[in-house]
Amino acid sequence: MRLEQIVIDSNDPGKLVRFWAELLGGEPVNREHGWAHVEPPGGVRMSFQPVPERKDVKNRLHLDFQVDDIEASVVKAVSLGATREGVVHTDEQGSFQVMRDPEGNEFCFVR
C-alpha cells in the first residue's frame, strides 16, 4: 500500500491548484467535472475536488512542508495568496509557522 494522492475539497479547484503549483512546483492540470491536480517534484499528487460548501472550521488534517527558511517561504506563500496565522513557534522538534492557503486550509512550514 502507498499514498496515491492527497485530495482537498475546494470551491475553486482551478484557482487553488495554481496556488499550490506556484508554491511547490509542477504544472497545474484542470480535469473533467471541475477537478484539478498538481504533481510537485518529489512530492505526492495534490488533487482538488469541487464542493459547494465553504470551509468553516479547523482542518482535522494539515500538511507540513520542510523548508530551509521559514520566513522566505512565508513571504513567497503570502505573495501567492496565502495568509500567516500568528507567529513562528519553536519547540523541542524545531520551528513551524502555521499558514492558510487562499481557501483557508491550514498548512505549516517547518524547520
N, C-alpha and C. Protein backbone atom coordinates (compact mmCIF):
# COMPACT_ATOMS: atom_id res chain seq x y z
N MET A 1 0.85 -1.17 0.00
CA MET A 1 0.00 0.00 0.00
C MET A 1 0.90 1.24 0.00
N ARG A 2 0.47 2.26 -0.76
CA ARG A 2 1.20 3.52 -0.75
C ARG A 2 0.23 4.67 -0.95
N LEU A 3 0.61 5.83 -0.48
CA LEU A 3 -0.22 7.01 -0.65
C LEU A 3 -0.21 7.43 -2.10
N GLU A 4 -1.37 7.52 -2.73
CA GLU A 4 -1.50 7.85 -4.15
C GLU A 4 -1.60 9.36 -4.35
N GLN A 5 -2.47 10.01 -3.56
CA GLN A 5 -2.67 11.45 -3.69
C GLN A 5 -3.34 11.97 -2.44
N ILE A 6 -3.28 13.27 -2.27
CA ILE A 6 -3.99 13.97 -1.21
C ILE A 6 -5.10 14.75 -1.91
N VAL A 7 -6.33 14.60 -1.45
CA VAL A 7 -7.47 15.28 -2.07
C VAL A 7 -7.97 16.35 -1.11
N ILE A 8 -8.11 17.57 -1.64
CA ILE A 8 -8.57 18.71 -0.85
C ILE A 8 -9.86 19.23 -1.46
N ASP A 9 -10.89 19.39 -0.63
CA ASP A 9 -12.14 20.00 -1.09
C ASP A 9 -11.87 21.46 -1.43
N SER A 10 -12.53 21.95 -2.47
CA SER A 10 -12.28 23.32 -2.92
C SER A 10 -13.51 23.93 -3.58
N ASN A 11 -13.71 25.22 -3.34
CA ASN A 11 -14.76 25.95 -4.05
C ASN A 11 -14.32 26.32 -5.46
N ASP A 12 -13.01 26.47 -5.67
CA ASP A 12 -12.48 26.85 -6.98
C ASP A 12 -11.18 26.06 -7.24
N PRO A 13 -11.31 24.78 -7.63
CA PRO A 13 -10.13 23.94 -7.83
C PRO A 13 -9.11 24.53 -8.80
N GLY A 14 -9.57 25.19 -9.88
CA GLY A 14 -8.64 25.77 -10.84
C GLY A 14 -7.76 26.83 -10.22
N LYS A 15 -8.32 27.66 -9.37
CA LYS A 15 -7.56 28.70 -8.69
C LYS A 15 -6.63 28.09 -7.65
N LEU A 16 -7.14 27.16 -6.85
CA LEU A 16 -6.33 26.57 -5.77
C LEU A 16 -5.17 25.76 -6.32
N VAL A 17 -5.38 25.03 -7.42
CA VAL A 17 -4.28 24.25 -7.99
C VAL A 17 -3.17 25.17 -8.49
N ARG A 18 -3.52 26.34 -9.01
CA ARG A 18 -2.48 27.29 -9.46
C ARG A 18 -1.66 27.80 -8.29
N PHE A 19 -2.32 28.07 -7.14
CA PHE A 19 -1.58 28.49 -5.94
C PHE A 19 -0.56 27.43 -5.54
N TRP A 20 -1.03 26.18 -5.41
CA TRP A 20 -0.13 25.12 -4.95
C TRP A 20 0.96 24.81 -5.97
N ALA A 21 0.66 24.89 -7.25
CA ALA A 21 1.67 24.66 -8.28
C ALA A 21 2.75 25.74 -8.22
N GLU A 22 2.35 26.98 -8.02
CA GLU A 22 3.33 28.07 -7.90
C GLU A 22 4.18 27.91 -6.64
N LEU A 23 3.56 27.47 -5.56
CA LEU A 23 4.27 27.33 -4.29
C LEU A 23 5.23 26.15 -4.30
N LEU A 24 4.77 24.99 -4.81
CA LEU A 24 5.55 23.75 -4.70
C LEU A 24 6.24 23.32 -5.98
N GLY A 25 5.84 23.90 -7.11
CA GLY A 25 6.37 23.44 -8.39
C GLY A 25 5.41 22.45 -9.03
N GLY A 26 5.64 22.18 -10.28
CA GLY A 26 4.75 21.29 -11.03
C GLY A 26 3.77 22.10 -11.85
N GLU A 27 3.12 21.43 -12.76
CA GLU A 27 2.17 22.07 -13.67
C GLU A 27 0.74 21.83 -13.20
N PRO A 28 -0.06 22.88 -13.08
CA PRO A 28 -1.46 22.68 -12.72
C PRO A 28 -2.21 22.00 -13.87
N VAL A 29 -3.04 21.04 -13.53
CA VAL A 29 -3.81 20.29 -14.53
C VAL A 29 -5.29 20.42 -14.17
N ASN A 30 -6.08 20.98 -15.08
CA ASN A 30 -7.53 21.03 -14.90
C ASN A 30 -8.12 19.77 -15.53
N ARG A 31 -9.01 19.11 -14.79
CA ARG A 31 -9.58 17.84 -15.24
C ARG A 31 -11.08 17.98 -15.45
N GLU A 32 -11.68 16.89 -15.89
CA GLU A 32 -13.13 16.87 -16.09
C GLU A 32 -13.88 17.06 -14.78
N HIS A 33 -15.10 17.53 -14.89
CA HIS A 33 -16.02 17.67 -13.75
C HIS A 33 -15.51 18.64 -12.70
N GLY A 34 -14.64 19.59 -13.09
CA GLY A 34 -14.18 20.62 -12.18
C GLY A 34 -13.00 20.28 -11.31
N TRP A 35 -12.50 19.06 -11.40
CA TRP A 35 -11.34 18.65 -10.62
C TRP A 35 -10.07 19.29 -11.18
N ALA A 36 -9.03 19.33 -10.36
CA ALA A 36 -7.71 19.78 -10.80
C ALA A 36 -6.66 19.06 -9.95
N HIS A 37 -5.41 19.01 -10.45
CA HIS A 37 -4.33 18.43 -9.65
C HIS A 37 -2.99 19.00 -10.05
N VAL A 38 -2.02 18.79 -9.17
CA VAL A 38 -0.63 19.14 -9.42
C VAL A 38 0.23 18.02 -8.84
N GLU A 39 1.32 17.70 -9.52
CA GLU A 39 2.27 16.72 -9.02
C GLU A 39 3.59 17.43 -8.76
N PRO A 40 3.80 17.92 -7.51
CA PRO A 40 5.03 18.64 -7.21
C PRO A 40 6.25 17.72 -7.34
N PRO A 41 7.37 18.24 -7.84
CA PRO A 41 8.57 17.42 -7.96
C PRO A 41 8.94 16.80 -6.60
N GLY A 42 9.11 15.50 -6.57
CA GLY A 42 9.49 14.81 -5.35
C GLY A 42 8.37 14.70 -4.32
N GLY A 43 7.16 15.08 -4.70
CA GLY A 43 6.05 15.04 -3.75
C GLY A 43 4.93 14.15 -4.22
N VAL A 44 3.86 14.17 -3.48
CA VAL A 44 2.66 13.38 -3.78
C VAL A 44 1.67 14.28 -4.53
N ARG A 45 0.96 13.70 -5.48
CA ARG A 45 -0.07 14.46 -6.22
C ARG A 45 -1.06 15.07 -5.24
N MET A 46 -1.38 16.33 -5.47
CA MET A 46 -2.43 17.02 -4.72
C MET A 46 -3.58 17.25 -5.68
N SER A 47 -4.75 16.71 -5.34
CA SER A 47 -5.94 16.87 -6.17
C SER A 47 -6.93 17.77 -5.45
N PHE A 48 -7.70 18.52 -6.24
CA PHE A 48 -8.66 19.46 -5.69
C PHE A 48 -10.04 19.11 -6.25
N GLN A 49 -10.93 18.78 -5.34
CA GLN A 49 -12.28 18.31 -5.66
C GLN A 49 -13.26 19.45 -5.46
N PRO A 50 -14.10 19.73 -6.47
CA PRO A 50 -15.06 20.81 -6.30
C PRO A 50 -16.16 20.43 -5.31
N VAL A 51 -16.42 21.35 -4.39
CA VAL A 51 -17.51 21.19 -3.43
C VAL A 51 -18.24 22.52 -3.29
N PRO A 52 -19.53 22.50 -2.98
CA PRO A 52 -20.26 23.76 -2.87
C PRO A 52 -20.07 24.49 -1.53
N GLU A 53 -19.83 23.74 -0.45
CA GLU A 53 -19.74 24.37 0.86
C GLU A 53 -18.36 24.98 1.10
N ARG A 54 -18.33 26.03 1.91
CA ARG A 54 -17.10 26.71 2.27
C ARG A 54 -16.49 26.04 3.50
N LYS A 55 -15.20 26.21 3.69
CA LYS A 55 -14.52 25.70 4.88
C LYS A 55 -14.92 26.57 6.07
N ASP A 56 -15.42 25.95 7.15
CA ASP A 56 -15.88 26.71 8.31
C ASP A 56 -15.07 26.48 9.58
N VAL A 57 -14.44 25.33 9.71
CA VAL A 57 -13.73 25.00 10.95
C VAL A 57 -12.31 24.55 10.63
N LYS A 58 -11.52 24.39 11.68
CA LYS A 58 -10.14 23.95 11.55
C LYS A 58 -10.07 22.58 10.87
N ASN A 59 -9.04 22.41 10.02
CA ASN A 59 -8.82 21.11 9.38
C ASN A 59 -8.54 20.04 10.43
N ARG A 60 -8.96 18.83 10.17
CA ARG A 60 -8.60 17.70 11.02
C ARG A 60 -7.26 17.13 10.60
N LEU A 61 -6.78 17.51 9.44
CA LEU A 61 -5.51 17.06 8.90
C LEU A 61 -4.89 18.26 8.20
N HIS A 62 -3.57 18.44 8.35
CA HIS A 62 -2.92 19.51 7.60
C HIS A 62 -1.57 19.00 7.11
N LEU A 63 -1.00 19.72 6.17
CA LEU A 63 0.27 19.34 5.56
C LEU A 63 1.40 20.16 6.16
N ASP A 64 2.54 19.51 6.45
CA ASP A 64 3.75 20.18 6.90
C ASP A 64 4.77 20.11 5.78
N PHE A 65 5.38 21.25 5.46
CA PHE A 65 6.39 21.33 4.42
C PHE A 65 7.71 21.74 5.03
N GLN A 66 8.71 20.87 4.92
CA GLN A 66 10.07 21.15 5.39
C GLN A 66 10.68 22.21 4.49
N VAL A 67 11.18 23.29 5.08
CA VAL A 67 11.79 24.37 4.32
C VAL A 67 13.13 24.75 4.94
N ASP A 68 14.00 25.35 4.14
CA ASP A 68 15.29 25.83 4.64
C ASP A 68 15.13 27.15 5.39
N ASP A 69 14.18 27.97 4.96
CA ASP A 69 14.00 29.31 5.53
C ASP A 69 12.50 29.58 5.67
N ILE A 70 12.02 29.55 6.90
CA ILE A 70 10.59 29.73 7.15
C ILE A 70 10.13 31.10 6.65
N GLU A 71 10.85 32.14 7.00
CA GLU A 71 10.40 33.49 6.64
C GLU A 71 10.35 33.70 5.13
N ALA A 72 11.35 33.21 4.41
CA ALA A 72 11.34 33.34 2.94
C ALA A 72 10.16 32.56 2.35
N SER A 73 9.85 31.41 2.93
CA SER A 73 8.72 30.62 2.45
C SER A 73 7.40 31.32 2.73
N VAL A 74 7.30 31.97 3.88
CA VAL A 74 6.10 32.74 4.23
C VAL A 74 5.91 33.87 3.23
N VAL A 75 6.97 34.60 2.94
CA VAL A 75 6.89 35.73 2.01
C VAL A 75 6.40 35.25 0.65
N LYS A 76 6.95 34.14 0.16
CA LYS A 76 6.53 33.61 -1.14
C LYS A 76 5.06 33.20 -1.10
N ALA A 77 4.66 32.45 -0.06
CA ALA A 77 3.28 31.97 0.02
C ALA A 77 2.30 33.14 0.11
N VAL A 78 2.63 34.14 0.90
CA VAL A 78 1.74 35.31 1.04
C VAL A 78 1.62 36.04 -0.29
N SER A 79 2.72 36.13 -1.03
CA SER A 79 2.66 36.81 -2.33
C SER A 79 1.76 36.07 -3.32
N LEU A 80 1.53 34.78 -3.08
CA LEU A 80 0.68 33.96 -3.94
C LEU A 80 -0.77 33.89 -3.45
N GLY A 81 -1.05 34.47 -2.27
CA GLY A 81 -2.42 34.48 -1.78
C GLY A 81 -2.66 33.79 -0.45
N ALA A 82 -1.61 33.24 0.18
CA ALA A 82 -1.76 32.60 1.48
C ALA A 82 -1.78 33.66 2.58
N THR A 83 -2.16 33.25 3.78
CA THR A 83 -2.09 34.13 4.94
C THR A 83 -1.35 33.43 6.06
N ARG A 84 -0.65 34.23 6.85
CA ARG A 84 0.08 33.74 8.02
C ARG A 84 -0.86 33.71 9.21
N GLU A 85 -0.77 32.68 10.02
CA GLU A 85 -1.53 32.58 11.26
C GLU A 85 -0.57 32.72 12.43
N GLY A 86 -0.62 33.83 13.13
CA GLY A 86 0.22 34.00 14.31
C GLY A 86 1.68 34.16 13.96
N VAL A 87 2.53 33.67 14.86
CA VAL A 87 3.98 33.83 14.74
C VAL A 87 4.64 32.46 14.63
N VAL A 88 5.93 32.46 14.35
CA VAL A 88 6.71 31.21 14.32
C VAL A 88 6.75 30.63 15.74
N HIS A 89 6.46 29.36 15.84
CA HIS A 89 6.53 28.65 17.12
C HIS A 89 7.77 27.76 17.12
N THR A 90 8.42 27.66 18.28
CA THR A 90 9.58 26.79 18.41
C THR A 90 9.37 25.88 19.61
N ASP A 91 9.65 24.59 19.42
CA ASP A 91 9.59 23.62 20.50
C ASP A 91 10.76 22.65 20.35
N GLU A 92 10.72 21.55 21.07
CA GLU A 92 11.84 20.59 21.04
C GLU A 92 12.01 19.93 19.67
N GLN A 93 11.01 19.99 18.81
CA GLN A 93 11.09 19.39 17.48
C GLN A 93 11.66 20.36 16.44
N GLY A 94 11.66 21.65 16.74
CA GLY A 94 12.13 22.64 15.78
C GLY A 94 11.17 23.81 15.75
N SER A 95 11.08 24.48 14.60
CA SER A 95 10.22 25.65 14.46
C SER A 95 9.19 25.41 13.37
N PHE A 96 8.03 26.08 13.53
CA PHE A 96 7.00 25.97 12.50
C PHE A 96 6.17 27.24 12.45
N GLN A 97 5.62 27.49 11.27
CA GLN A 97 4.73 28.62 11.03
C GLN A 97 3.44 28.10 10.43
N VAL A 98 2.33 28.37 11.09
CA VAL A 98 1.02 27.97 10.57
C VAL A 98 0.61 28.96 9.48
N MET A 99 0.11 28.43 8.38
CA MET A 99 -0.33 29.22 7.23
C MET A 99 -1.73 28.77 6.82
N ARG A 100 -2.37 29.57 5.97
CA ARG A 100 -3.65 29.19 5.34
C ARG A 100 -3.53 29.45 3.84
N ASP A 101 -3.99 28.49 3.04
CA ASP A 101 -3.99 28.70 1.59
C ASP A 101 -5.13 29.67 1.24
N PRO A 102 -5.30 30.04 -0.02
CA PRO A 102 -6.33 31.03 -0.37
C PRO A 102 -7.77 30.66 0.01
N GLU A 103 -8.05 29.38 0.26
CA GLU A 103 -9.39 28.98 0.69
C GLU A 103 -9.46 28.71 2.19
N GLY A 104 -8.37 28.99 2.90
CA GLY A 104 -8.37 28.86 4.36
C GLY A 104 -7.88 27.54 4.90
N ASN A 105 -7.41 26.63 4.04
CA ASN A 105 -6.90 25.34 4.52
C ASN A 105 -5.55 25.55 5.19
N GLU A 106 -5.42 25.02 6.43
CA GLU A 106 -4.18 25.18 7.17
C GLU A 106 -3.08 24.29 6.62
N PHE A 107 -1.86 24.81 6.66
CA PHE A 107 -0.64 24.04 6.39
C PHE A 107 0.48 24.70 7.17
N CYS A 108 1.61 24.05 7.32
CA CYS A 108 2.73 24.61 8.07
C CYS A 108 4.03 24.53 7.30
N PHE A 109 4.86 25.54 7.53
CA PHE A 109 6.27 25.47 7.12
C PHE A 109 7.03 25.07 8.36
N VAL A 110 7.88 24.07 8.25
CA VAL A 110 8.64 23.57 9.39
C VAL A 110 10.13 23.59 9.11
N ARG A 111 10.89 23.77 10.17
CA ARG A 111 12.35 23.78 10.07
C ARG A 111 12.89 23.06 11.26
